[in-house]
Amino acid sequence: MSEPSLSARMARQALRLAVQLGLPVESLCREAGLRMEDLDDPELRIPYSVLDHLTERMVALSGDANLGLHLSRMDMADLDDPATFVVLTSATLRDSMERGFRYQRVWGDGERFRLEDTERGVRMRFTPIGVWRPAHRHLAEVALAQFATGVRFLTGEDVRPLRVRFVHPAPEDTREHEAVFGGPLEFGAPANDIEFSQEDARRPFVHADALLNAMFERQARHALERLPQPTTASERVREEVRRTLSGGDFSFAAVARALRLPPRTLQRRLADEGQSYASIVESLRRELAEAYLRRRMSIAEVSFLLGYAEPAAFHRAFKRWWGTSPESFRRGLNAP
């Protein structure tokens, strides 16, 4: 498999911050194997290792212990990125999280973001790609800080997360983290994630626009279709499961055979990407369930297409995902 890549957008923003910090931008580019003139290409993708190296060199040269938090302040809007505008024009916070998760490959290979329901609400988990390295602390802080500040901007409300967790140890001074997130912080945690209450997840966005959202979503789907074939193990598993979900054998052993990988090797590669076979199947089923119900398919048909042996199993799974039945969800689509 070739090395996974991501949009060069984050590298462009990092170099803009480097200018503000007075760092030698041209030297940083050469070291990272980048050319400034290439970074203006909206379709340029770079290996994750390049961004990791660039981040680590910026920290070393600037001595900025909170580089990730400062990078999150940079303007990330990109007029050539329809996936961002899908998020901005979504109806609610939860809706935006669902769509951001769905189109994340426009921003980068691999399922770095994972949406999860909790007892208190909903959370977004962030898992950097590859074996841990120092840059991942700052990239995790960028991702979650953008969530925290973006939610306040997009709802027009002082929304505070229920909890923010980071895998890395606590820095010596967390005052800036406390100011950015405005909620309980936990370091040395099992995962990087940010959690919001059910009430906040239902908050409407000030820029919500159903017509624009549908237009941007169509563009985001086309952007996904133009991308090269998946390169990470999790994406290859996801595509194989999608292909065999209805009526085929999508067991882990069958998927491993289809990808021509020993099961243990595939399991290890998924773990290196912060993924598991079960979580990939679960997230794909959840995504497709919503899409099928919006197309007014029958419950029995949706159950079959998602690979469930009986509709009752689909009902239980859907209730776990959404807190309601498939029938109630579909009726809600018709509500004024």
Foldseek 3Di string as FASTA:
>chain_A
DDAWKFFCLLVVLLLVVCVVLVHDSVVLCVVLVHDPVVNVPRQDIDGPVSVLSSQVVSCVVRVDPQSLLVSLPGDSDDPVQLLVVLLLQAFAQLRSLLSCQVLVVLGIAANQWDWDADPFGIKIFGFDAFDDDPSVQSNLSSVVLNSQVVLCQFLVHNFAFAEFEELAADDPDCPVVCVSRVYHYYYNDPTGMTHGGNVRRGRTTPNHDVVSSVVSVVVSVVSVVPDDQHDALLSQLLVVCLVAQAPHDSDLCVSCVVVVHDSVVSQVRQVRRVHGSVSSLLSSLQSVLVVVLVVVDDLQVSCNSSNHPGSVVVQVSNCNVPVDGSVVVSVVVVDD
